[in-house]
């Protein structure tokens, strides 16, 4: 079904499909993708690179995306106004066999996750690209579990405790109270 939908999309200007190790992915995202240069020294020197707009959104799914949502998703992507990276992460399998309450990770019963990422290379297109990303995200949100992986922090999320921690919220509150009553370890999305 997905193949038929993709075949109906207009031909993009350029499509790249490839896989790479995480460090190469980071270098490419920073614009350091020249494979003839070893950039490991940047990590050792704690160097910083020019800051560009970056935004990511992620959702878990426990069932297939509906045809309607998939059509909307692909239509929004086809209206592209910049670079969009889409990562599909399969879950399920062996991970599903471990009881949810036996680990700190509450998302064991989901089938897959989708992460959407954009990088804006200039401030002129930033608002348009953010709007485009949010429109793409909204097309599949209804079919999702409305939960995400904590390492994909999204400042737009209102009820972030539920969004990231799902069934583990109370357990995390209890642990926070035991080990950090005074909230010494505080950050923007800290457990309170």
N, C-alpha and C. Protein backbone atom coordinates (compact mmCIF):
# COMPACT_ATOMS: atom_id res chain seq x y z
N UNK A 1 0.82 -1.20 0.00
CA UNK A 1 0.00 0.00 0.00
C UNK A 1 0.86 1.26 0.00
N UNK A 2 1.88 1.30 0.84
CA UNK A 2 2.74 2.48 0.92
C UNK A 2 3.44 2.73 -0.40
N UNK A 3 3.88 1.68 -1.07
CA UNK A 3 4.57 1.84 -2.35
C UNK A 3 3.66 2.52 -3.36
N UNK A 4 2.39 2.11 -3.42
CA UNK A 4 1.44 2.76 -4.34
C UNK A 4 1.30 4.24 -4.03
N UNK A 5 1.23 4.56 -2.74
CA UNK A 5 1.08 5.96 -2.33
C UNK A 5 2.31 6.77 -2.73
N UNK A 6 3.47 6.21 -2.49
CA UNK A 6 4.71 6.91 -2.82
C UNK A 6 4.82 7.13 -4.33
N UNK A 7 4.39 6.16 -5.11
CA UNK A 7 4.47 6.28 -6.56
C UNK A 7 3.60 7.41 -7.10
N UNK A 8 2.58 7.84 -6.35
CA UNK A 8 1.71 8.92 -6.81
C UNK A 8 2.27 10.30 -6.49
N UNK A 9 3.32 10.36 -5.70
CA UNK A 9 3.92 11.66 -5.35
C UNK A 9 4.62 12.27 -6.56
N UNK A 10 4.65 13.60 -6.61
CA UNK A 10 5.42 14.23 -7.69
C UNK A 10 6.90 13.90 -7.51
N UNK A 11 7.62 13.88 -8.60
CA UNK A 11 9.04 13.57 -8.54
C UNK A 11 9.77 14.68 -7.78
N UNK A 12 10.49 14.32 -6.72
CA UNK A 12 11.23 15.35 -5.97
C UNK A 12 12.44 15.83 -6.76
N UNK A 13 12.93 16.99 -6.38
CA UNK A 13 14.13 17.51 -7.02
C UNK A 13 15.29 16.55 -6.80
N UNK A 14 15.38 16.02 -5.59
CA UNK A 14 16.46 15.11 -5.26
C UNK A 14 16.03 14.25 -4.09
N UNK A 15 16.30 12.97 -4.16
CA UNK A 15 16.00 12.05 -3.06
C UNK A 15 17.26 11.30 -2.71
N UNK A 16 17.59 11.28 -1.43
CA UNK A 16 18.76 10.53 -0.97
C UNK A 16 18.29 9.52 0.06
N UNK A 17 18.64 8.29 -0.14
CA UNK A 17 18.37 7.26 0.86
C UNK A 17 19.69 6.58 1.14
N UNK A 18 20.13 6.64 2.37
CA UNK A 18 21.39 6.01 2.74
C UNK A 18 21.39 5.71 4.23
N UNK A 19 22.32 4.88 4.64
CA UNK A 19 22.49 4.62 6.07
C UNK A 19 23.93 4.95 6.43
N UNK A 20 24.13 5.33 7.69
CA UNK A 20 25.46 5.72 8.12
C UNK A 20 25.58 5.55 9.63
N UNK A 21 26.81 5.52 10.12
CA UNK A 21 27.00 5.42 11.56
C UNK A 21 26.64 6.76 12.20
N UNK A 22 26.47 6.76 13.52
CA UNK A 22 25.96 7.95 14.21
C UNK A 22 26.90 9.13 14.09
N UNK A 23 28.21 8.92 14.13
CA UNK A 23 29.15 10.03 14.08
C UNK A 23 29.12 10.69 12.70
N UNK A 24 29.03 9.90 11.67
CA UNK A 24 28.90 10.45 10.32
C UNK A 24 27.61 11.25 10.20
N UNK A 25 26.52 10.74 10.80
CA UNK A 25 25.25 11.46 10.80
C UNK A 25 25.40 12.83 11.46
N UNK A 26 26.10 12.87 12.60
CA UNK A 26 26.32 14.14 13.30
C UNK A 26 27.14 15.08 12.43
N UNK A 27 28.22 14.57 11.85
CA UNK A 27 29.05 15.41 10.98
C UNK A 27 28.25 15.95 9.80
N UNK A 28 27.46 15.10 9.17
CA UNK A 28 26.65 15.55 8.04
C UNK A 28 25.67 16.64 8.47
N UNK A 29 25.05 16.47 9.64
CA UNK A 29 24.11 17.46 10.15
C UNK A 29 24.77 18.80 10.44
N UNK A 30 26.05 18.76 10.77
CA UNK A 30 26.80 19.99 11.04
C UNK A 30 27.42 20.59 9.78
N UNK A 31 27.23 19.90 8.66
CA UNK A 31 27.84 20.38 7.43
C UNK A 31 29.30 20.00 7.31
N UNK A 32 29.73 18.99 8.07
CA UNK A 32 31.12 18.54 8.05
C UNK A 32 31.25 17.19 7.37
N UNK A 33 30.42 16.92 6.40
CA UNK A 33 30.32 15.60 5.80
C UNK A 33 31.45 15.19 4.87
N UNK A 34 32.49 15.99 4.74
CA UNK A 34 33.61 15.63 3.88
C UNK A 34 34.29 14.38 4.44
N UNK A 35 34.18 13.27 3.73
CA UNK A 35 34.71 12.00 4.24
C UNK A 35 36.23 11.94 4.20
N UNK A 36 36.90 12.90 3.59
CA UNK A 36 38.36 12.91 3.54
C UNK A 36 39.00 13.55 4.76
N UNK A 37 38.18 14.08 5.66
CA UNK A 37 38.70 14.77 6.83
C UNK A 37 38.20 14.07 8.09
N UNK A 38 39.10 13.89 9.04
CA UNK A 38 38.74 13.28 10.32
C UNK A 38 38.41 14.40 11.31
N UNK A 39 37.16 14.46 11.74
CA UNK A 39 36.72 15.53 12.63
C UNK A 39 36.67 15.13 14.10
N UNK A 40 37.26 13.99 14.45
CA UNK A 40 37.20 13.55 15.85
C UNK A 40 37.82 14.56 16.80
N UNK A 41 38.78 15.33 16.31
CA UNK A 41 39.42 16.33 17.16
C UNK A 41 38.40 17.36 17.67
N UNK A 42 37.32 17.59 16.91
CA UNK A 42 36.29 18.53 17.37
C UNK A 42 35.63 18.05 18.65
N UNK A 43 35.42 16.74 18.75
CA UNK A 43 34.83 16.18 19.95
C UNK A 43 35.78 16.31 21.13
N UNK A 44 37.05 16.09 20.90
CA UNK A 44 38.04 16.14 21.97
C UNK A 44 38.30 17.56 22.46
N UNK A 45 38.18 18.54 21.59
CA UNK A 45 38.43 19.93 21.95
C UNK A 45 37.17 20.63 22.45
N UNK A 46 36.06 19.91 22.47
CA UNK A 46 34.78 20.50 22.89
C UNK A 46 34.44 21.73 22.04
N UNK A 47 34.72 21.62 20.75
CA UNK A 47 34.48 22.73 19.83
C UNK A 47 32.99 22.93 19.59
N UNK A 48 32.64 24.13 19.20
CA UNK A 48 31.26 24.40 18.82
C UNK A 48 31.23 24.84 17.36
N UNK A 49 30.14 24.58 16.74
CA UNK A 49 29.96 24.92 15.34
C UNK A 49 28.90 26.02 15.23
N UNK A 50 28.81 26.66 14.07
CA UNK A 50 27.75 27.67 13.91
C UNK A 50 26.39 27.05 14.21
N UNK A 51 25.54 27.82 14.85
CA UNK A 51 24.23 27.32 15.23
C UNK A 51 23.20 27.66 14.17
N UNK A 52 22.52 26.63 13.71
CA UNK A 52 21.42 26.80 12.78
C UNK A 52 20.18 26.25 13.46
N UNK A 53 19.06 26.57 12.91
CA UNK A 53 17.81 26.05 13.42
C UNK A 53 17.77 24.54 13.25
N UNK A 54 17.38 23.85 14.28
CA UNK A 54 17.18 22.41 14.23
C UNK A 54 15.91 22.12 15.01
N UNK A 55 15.08 21.27 14.49
CA UNK A 55 13.85 20.90 15.20
C UNK A 55 13.55 19.46 14.87
N UNK A 56 13.17 18.71 15.89
CA UNK A 56 12.79 17.31 15.70
C UNK A 56 11.50 17.04 16.43
N UNK A 57 10.73 16.13 15.89
CA UNK A 57 9.50 15.66 16.52
C UNK A 57 9.47 14.15 16.37
N UNK A 58 8.87 13.47 17.33
CA UNK A 58 8.85 12.01 17.33
C UNK A 58 7.53 11.51 17.87
N UNK A 59 7.08 10.40 17.32
CA UNK A 59 5.87 9.73 17.81
C UNK A 59 6.05 8.22 17.75
N UNK A 60 5.43 7.52 18.71
CA UNK A 60 5.36 6.07 18.68
C UNK A 60 4.01 5.65 18.10
N UNK A 61 3.98 4.45 17.51
CA UNK A 61 2.76 3.90 16.93
C UNK A 61 2.60 2.46 17.38
N UNK A 62 1.36 2.09 17.71
CA UNK A 62 1.08 0.70 18.08
C UNK A 62 0.21 0.00 17.04
N UNK A 63 -0.08 0.72 15.96
CA UNK A 63 -0.86 0.14 14.85
C UNK A 63 -0.45 0.88 13.58
N UNK A 64 -0.80 0.34 12.42
CA UNK A 64 -0.44 1.02 11.17
C UNK A 64 -1.09 2.41 11.07
N UNK A 65 -0.45 3.27 10.35
CA UNK A 65 -1.01 4.60 10.09
C UNK A 65 -2.14 4.42 9.08
N UNK A 66 -3.27 5.09 9.31
CA UNK A 66 -4.43 4.95 8.42
C UNK A 66 -4.09 5.47 7.02
N UNK A 67 -4.82 4.97 6.03
CA UNK A 67 -4.61 5.41 4.65
C UNK A 67 -4.80 6.92 4.52
N UNK A 68 -5.83 7.44 5.18
CA UNK A 68 -6.09 8.88 5.12
C UNK A 68 -4.91 9.67 5.67
N UNK A 69 -4.44 9.28 6.84
CA UNK A 69 -3.31 10.00 7.45
C UNK A 69 -2.05 9.85 6.62
N UNK A 70 -1.84 8.68 6.07
CA UNK A 70 -0.66 8.45 5.23
C UNK A 70 -0.72 9.32 3.98
N UNK A 71 -1.90 9.44 3.37
CA UNK A 71 -2.06 10.33 2.22
C UNK A 71 -1.72 11.76 2.59
N UNK A 72 -2.25 12.22 3.73
CA UNK A 72 -1.97 13.58 4.18
C UNK A 72 -0.48 13.78 4.47
N UNK A 73 0.12 12.79 5.11
CA UNK A 73 1.54 12.81 5.44
C UNK A 73 2.39 12.98 4.17
N UNK A 74 2.13 12.15 3.18
CA UNK A 74 2.89 12.21 1.94
C UNK A 74 2.62 13.50 1.16
N UNK A 75 1.38 13.97 1.18
CA UNK A 75 1.06 15.23 0.51
C UNK A 75 1.81 16.40 1.14
N UNK A 76 1.88 16.42 2.46
CA UNK A 76 2.60 17.50 3.16
C UNK A 76 4.09 17.44 2.84
N UNK A 77 4.63 16.24 2.82
CA UNK A 77 6.06 16.09 2.50
C UNK A 77 6.33 16.60 1.09
N UNK A 78 5.43 16.30 0.17
CA UNK A 78 5.60 16.71 -1.23
C UNK A 78 5.62 18.23 -1.39
N UNK A 79 5.04 18.95 -0.44
CA UNK A 79 5.03 20.41 -0.49
C UNK A 79 6.32 20.99 0.08
N UNK A 80 7.31 20.16 0.26
CA UNK A 80 8.56 20.50 0.94
C UNK A 80 9.18 21.81 0.56
N UNK A 81 9.68 22.47 1.58
CA UNK A 81 10.35 23.75 1.38
C UNK A 81 11.74 23.73 2.01
N UNK A 82 12.28 22.57 2.23
CA UNK A 82 13.61 22.47 2.83
C UNK A 82 14.00 21.01 2.98
N UNK A 83 15.03 20.79 3.78
CA UNK A 83 15.48 19.42 4.04
C UNK A 83 14.68 18.83 5.18
N UNK A 84 14.20 17.63 4.97
CA UNK A 84 13.47 16.89 6.00
C UNK A 84 14.12 15.52 6.12
N UNK A 85 14.47 15.15 7.34
CA UNK A 85 14.99 13.82 7.61
C UNK A 85 13.91 13.04 8.33
N UNK A 86 13.63 11.86 7.85
CA UNK A 86 12.62 11.00 8.49
C UNK A 86 13.30 9.71 8.90
N UNK A 87 13.17 9.38 10.18
CA UNK A 87 13.75 8.14 10.69
C UNK A 87 12.62 7.24 11.15
N UNK A 88 12.56 6.03 10.60
CA UNK A 88 11.60 5.02 11.02
C UNK A 88 12.34 4.03 11.92
N UNK A 89 11.88 3.88 13.14
CA UNK A 89 12.51 2.95 14.09
C UNK A 89 11.56 1.82 14.42
N UNK A 90 11.90 0.58 14.03
CA UNK A 90 11.07 -0.55 14.43
C UNK A 90 11.28 -0.85 15.91
N UNK A 91 10.23 -1.23 16.61
CA UNK A 91 10.34 -1.61 18.02
C UNK A 91 9.87 -3.05 18.11
N UNK A 92 8.91 -3.33 18.93
CA UNK A 92 8.29 -4.65 19.02
C UNK A 92 9.34 -5.75 19.19
N UNK A 93 9.14 -6.89 18.58
CA UNK A 93 10.08 -8.00 18.65
C UNK A 93 10.42 -8.42 20.07
N UNK A 94 11.68 -8.70 20.32
CA UNK A 94 12.13 -9.16 21.64
C UNK A 94 11.81 -8.14 22.73
N UNK A 95 11.94 -6.88 22.41
CA UNK A 95 11.68 -5.83 23.39
C UNK A 95 10.27 -5.96 23.97
N UNK A 96 9.35 -6.43 23.17
CA UNK A 96 7.95 -6.59 23.58
C UNK A 96 7.80 -7.69 24.65
N UNK A 97 8.74 -8.62 24.71
CA UNK A 97 8.62 -9.74 25.66
C UNK A 97 8.99 -9.36 27.08
N UNK A 98 9.67 -8.24 27.27
CA UNK A 98 10.07 -7.80 28.60
C UNK A 98 8.94 -6.98 29.20
N UNK A 99 8.45 -7.34 30.39
CA UNK A 99 7.34 -6.59 31.00
C UNK A 99 7.68 -5.11 31.17
N UNK A 100 6.71 -4.26 30.92
CA UNK A 100 6.91 -2.82 30.99
C UNK A 100 7.39 -2.38 32.36
N UNK A 101 6.87 -2.99 33.42
CA UNK A 101 7.22 -2.55 34.77
C UNK A 101 8.58 -3.06 35.24
N UNK A 102 9.30 -3.81 34.43
CA UNK A 102 10.61 -4.36 34.82
C UNK A 102 11.78 -3.46 34.44
N UNK A 103 11.54 -2.43 33.66
CA UNK A 103 12.62 -1.52 33.26
C UNK A 103 12.12 -0.08 33.33
N UNK A 104 13.03 0.84 33.14
CA UNK A 104 12.67 2.27 33.15
C UNK A 104 12.06 2.72 31.83
N UNK A 105 12.09 1.89 30.83
CA UNK A 105 11.61 2.27 29.50
C UNK A 105 10.15 1.84 29.32
N UNK A 106 9.22 2.80 29.26
CA UNK A 106 7.79 2.46 29.24
C UNK A 106 7.22 2.17 27.85
N UNK A 107 8.01 2.26 26.81
CA UNK A 107 7.49 2.18 25.44
C UNK A 107 7.75 0.84 24.77
N UNK A 108 7.65 -0.24 25.49
CA UNK A 108 8.01 -1.57 24.97
C UNK A 108 6.94 -2.20 24.10
N UNK A 109 5.73 -1.74 24.17
CA UNK A 109 4.64 -2.41 23.45
C UNK A 109 4.34 -1.78 22.08
N UNK A 110 5.10 -0.80 21.70
CA UNK A 110 4.82 -0.12 20.44
C UNK A 110 5.46 -0.84 19.26
N UNK A 111 4.90 -0.64 18.09
CA UNK A 111 5.38 -1.31 16.88
C UNK A 111 6.53 -0.55 16.22
N UNK A 112 6.43 0.78 16.19
CA UNK A 112 7.48 1.57 15.54
C UNK A 112 7.39 3.02 15.99
N UNK A 113 8.43 3.76 15.69
CA UNK A 113 8.47 5.19 15.96
C UNK A 113 8.89 5.93 14.70
N UNK A 114 8.46 7.17 14.59
CA UNK A 114 8.85 8.02 13.47
C UNK A 114 9.40 9.31 14.05
N UNK A 115 10.60 9.66 13.62
CA UNK A 115 11.19 10.94 14.00
C UNK A 115 11.31 11.80 12.75
N UNK A 116 10.89 13.04 12.87
CA UNK A 116 10.96 14.02 11.78
C UNK A 116 11.94 15.11 12.21
N UNK A 117 12.89 15.45 11.35
CA UNK A 117 13.89 16.47 11.70
C UNK A 117 14.09 17.43 10.54
N UNK A 118 14.24 18.70 10.89
CA UNK A 118 14.60 19.70 9.89
C UNK A 118 15.81 20.49 10.38
N UNK A 119 16.59 20.96 9.44
CA UNK A 119 17.71 21.85 9.71
C UNK A 119 17.52 23.07 8.83
N UNK A 120 17.45 24.23 9.43
CA UNK A 120 17.32 25.47 8.66
C UNK A 120 18.72 26.07 8.51
N UNK A 121 19.12 26.36 7.31
CA UNK A 121 20.45 26.91 7.10
C UNK A 121 20.46 28.43 7.07
N UNK A 122 19.31 29.04 7.20
CA UNK A 122 19.26 30.49 7.28
C UNK A 122 18.01 30.89 8.06
N UNK A 123 18.02 32.09 8.59
CA UNK A 123 16.89 32.55 9.40
C UNK A 123 15.68 32.94 8.56
N UNK A 124 15.88 33.21 7.27
CA UNK A 124 14.77 33.62 6.41
C UNK A 124 13.71 32.53 6.29
N UNK A 125 14.15 31.29 6.17
CA UNK A 125 13.19 30.20 5.94
C UNK A 125 12.78 29.48 7.22
N UNK A 126 13.32 29.89 8.35
CA UNK A 126 13.08 29.16 9.60
C UNK A 126 11.60 29.01 9.94
N UNK A 127 10.84 30.09 9.92
CA UNK A 127 9.41 30.02 10.28
C UNK A 127 8.63 29.13 9.33
N UNK A 128 8.92 29.25 8.03
CA UNK A 128 8.22 28.41 7.05
C UNK A 128 8.53 26.94 7.27
N UNK A 129 9.79 26.63 7.54
CA UNK A 129 10.17 25.24 7.74
C UNK A 129 9.59 24.67 9.03
N UNK A 130 9.54 25.48 10.08
CA UNK A 130 8.92 25.03 11.34
C UNK A 130 7.43 24.74 11.13
N UNK A 131 6.78 25.61 10.39
CA UNK A 131 5.36 25.41 10.09
C UNK A 131 5.17 24.12 9.29
N UNK A 132 6.03 23.91 8.30
CA UNK A 132 5.97 22.71 7.47
C UNK A 132 6.16 21.46 8.32
N UNK A 133 7.15 21.47 9.21
CA UNK A 133 7.38 20.32 10.10
C UNK A 133 6.15 20.05 10.96
N UNK A 134 5.58 21.07 11.55
CA UNK A 134 4.39 20.89 12.40
C UNK A 134 3.20 20.36 11.60
N UNK A 135 3.07 20.80 10.36
CA UNK A 135 1.98 20.30 9.51
C UNK A 135 2.16 18.81 9.20
N UNK A 136 3.38 18.41 8.91
CA UNK A 136 3.66 16.99 8.65
C UNK A 136 3.36 16.17 9.89
N UNK A 137 3.86 16.62 11.02
CA UNK A 137 3.65 15.94 12.31
C UNK A 137 2.16 15.78 12.62
N UNK A 138 1.40 16.83 12.38
CA UNK A 138 -0.03 16.79 12.72
C UNK A 138 -0.81 15.78 11.86
N UNK A 139 -0.30 15.45 10.67
CA UNK A 139 -1.01 14.50 9.82
C UNK A 139 -1.00 13.09 10.38
N UNK A 140 0.01 12.74 11.17
CA UNK A 140 0.10 11.38 11.71
C UNK A 140 -0.14 11.32 13.22
N UNK A 141 -0.29 12.47 13.85
CA UNK A 141 -0.45 12.51 15.31
C UNK A 141 -1.67 11.70 15.76
N UNK A 142 -2.78 11.85 15.08
CA UNK A 142 -4.03 11.18 15.48
C UNK A 142 -3.88 9.66 15.54
N UNK A 143 -3.10 9.10 14.64
CA UNK A 143 -2.90 7.65 14.59
C UNK A 143 -1.82 7.15 15.54
N UNK A 144 -1.13 8.05 16.18
CA UNK A 144 -0.02 7.67 17.06
C UNK A 144 -0.52 7.32 18.46
N UNK A 145 0.40 6.92 19.31
CA UNK A 145 0.08 6.65 20.72
C UNK A 145 0.06 7.93 21.54
N UNK A 146 0.49 9.03 20.95
CA UNK A 146 0.65 10.33 21.62
C UNK A 146 1.76 10.27 22.66
N UNK A 147 2.75 9.40 22.43
CA UNK A 147 3.91 9.27 23.31
C UNK A 147 5.18 9.33 22.48
N UNK A 148 6.28 9.67 23.16
CA UNK A 148 7.56 9.79 22.47
C UNK A 148 8.69 9.35 23.39
N UNK A 149 9.83 9.15 22.81
CA UNK A 149 11.04 8.77 23.52
C UNK A 149 11.65 10.02 24.14
N UNK A 150 12.07 9.95 25.39
CA UNK A 150 12.55 11.12 26.13
C UNK A 150 13.77 11.77 25.47
N UNK A 151 14.59 11.02 24.78
CA UNK A 151 15.76 11.62 24.15
C UNK A 151 15.42 12.48 22.93
N UNK A 152 14.17 12.49 22.53
CA UNK A 152 13.72 13.36 21.45
C UNK A 152 12.91 14.51 22.05
N UNK A 153 13.55 15.30 22.89
CA UNK A 153 12.85 16.36 23.62
C UNK A 153 12.26 17.38 22.64
N UNK A 154 11.00 17.72 22.87
CA UNK A 154 10.27 18.65 22.02
C UNK A 154 9.63 19.70 22.93
N UNK A 155 10.07 20.91 22.83
CA UNK A 155 9.55 21.99 23.69
C UNK A 155 8.09 22.33 23.43
N UNK A 156 7.56 21.90 22.29
CA UNK A 156 6.17 22.20 21.97
C UNK A 156 5.18 21.34 22.74
N UNK A 157 5.64 20.26 23.33
CA UNK A 157 4.76 19.32 24.01
C UNK A 157 4.27 19.92 25.32
N UNK A 158 2.95 19.93 25.51
CA UNK A 158 2.38 20.52 26.72
C UNK A 158 2.42 19.56 27.90
N UNK A 159 1.87 18.39 27.76
CA UNK A 159 1.84 17.41 28.85
C UNK A 159 3.01 16.45 28.70
N UNK A 160 4.22 16.98 28.87
CA UNK A 160 5.41 16.21 28.57
C UNK A 160 5.63 15.01 29.49
N UNK A 161 5.18 15.05 30.73
CA UNK A 161 5.35 13.89 31.62
C UNK A 161 4.63 12.67 31.03
N UNK A 162 3.42 12.87 30.56
CA UNK A 162 2.69 11.76 29.94
C UNK A 162 3.29 11.40 28.59
N UNK A 163 3.64 12.41 27.82
CA UNK A 163 4.19 12.22 26.48
C UNK A 163 5.44 11.35 26.49
N UNK A 164 6.33 11.59 27.46
CA UNK A 164 7.59 10.85 27.52
C UNK A 164 7.56 9.64 28.44
N UNK A 165 6.88 9.75 29.57
CA UNK A 165 7.00 8.71 30.60
C UNK A 165 5.81 7.78 30.69
N UNK A 166 4.70 8.15 30.08
CA UNK A 166 3.54 7.26 29.98
C UNK A 166 3.20 6.63 31.33
N UNK A 167 3.22 5.32 31.42
CA UNK A 167 2.79 4.60 32.63
C UNK A 167 3.80 4.68 33.77
N UNK A 168 4.98 5.22 33.53
CA UNK A 168 6.03 5.27 34.55
C UNK A 168 6.05 6.57 35.36
N UNK A 169 5.08 7.43 35.16
CA UNK A 169 5.11 8.74 35.82
C UNK A 169 5.18 8.64 37.34
N UNK A 170 4.29 7.89 37.94
CA UNK A 170 4.26 7.80 39.40
C UNK A 170 5.54 7.17 39.94
N UNK A 171 6.00 6.16 39.28
CA UNK A 171 7.25 5.50 39.68
C UNK A 171 8.42 6.49 39.67
N UNK A 172 8.48 7.33 38.65
CA UNK A 172 9.55 8.32 38.56
C UNK A 172 9.40 9.41 39.62
N UNK A 173 8.18 9.82 39.90
CA UNK A 173 7.96 10.79 40.99
C UNK A 173 8.46 10.22 42.31
N UNK A 174 8.16 8.95 42.56
CA UNK A 174 8.59 8.31 43.80
C UNK A 174 10.12 8.25 43.90
N UNK A 175 10.78 7.88 42.82
CA UNK A 175 12.24 7.83 42.82
C UNK A 175 12.85 9.22 42.99
N UNK A 176 12.26 10.19 42.35
CA UNK A 176 12.75 11.57 42.48
C UNK A 176 12.65 12.01 43.94
N UNK A 177 11.55 11.67 44.60
CA UNK A 177 11.37 12.05 46.00
C UNK A 177 12.41 11.37 46.90
N UNK A 178 12.72 10.12 46.61
CA UNK A 178 13.69 9.38 47.43
C UNK A 178 15.10 9.94 47.24
N UNK A 179 15.51 10.18 46.01
CA UNK A 179 16.90 10.53 45.73
C UNK A 179 17.17 12.01 45.50
N UNK A 180 16.14 12.80 45.32
CA UNK A 180 16.36 14.22 45.03
C UNK A 180 15.20 15.06 45.56
N UNK A 181 14.96 14.98 46.86
CA UNK A 181 13.83 15.70 47.47
C UNK A 181 13.90 17.20 47.22
N UNK A 182 15.10 17.76 47.19
CA UNK A 182 15.27 19.21 47.05
C UNK A 182 15.43 19.67 45.60
N UNK A 183 15.20 18.77 44.67
CA UNK A 183 15.26 19.10 43.25
C UNK A 183 16.62 19.69 42.85
N UNK A 184 17.66 19.10 43.39
CA UNK A 184 19.02 19.56 43.08
C UNK A 184 19.35 19.34 41.60
N UNK A 185 18.89 18.22 41.06
CA UNK A 185 19.13 17.91 39.66
C UNK A 185 17.95 18.44 38.85
N UNK A 186 18.07 19.68 38.44
CA UNK A 186 16.96 20.36 37.78
C UNK A 186 17.36 20.74 36.36
N UNK A 187 16.45 20.58 35.45
CA UNK A 187 16.58 21.07 34.08
C UNK A 187 15.17 21.32 33.56
N UNK A 188 15.07 21.81 32.35
CA UNK A 188 13.78 22.27 31.82
C UNK A 188 12.67 21.23 31.91
N UNK A 189 12.97 19.99 31.61
CA UNK A 189 11.94 18.94 31.62
C UNK A 189 12.20 17.94 32.75
N UNK A 190 12.63 18.43 33.89
CA UNK A 190 12.93 17.55 35.00
C UNK A 190 11.65 17.02 35.66
N UNK A 191 11.77 15.88 36.29
CA UNK A 191 10.65 15.30 37.03
C UNK A 191 10.53 16.07 38.33
N UNK A 192 9.33 16.52 38.65
CA UNK A 192 9.14 17.32 39.87
C UNK A 192 8.39 16.54 40.91
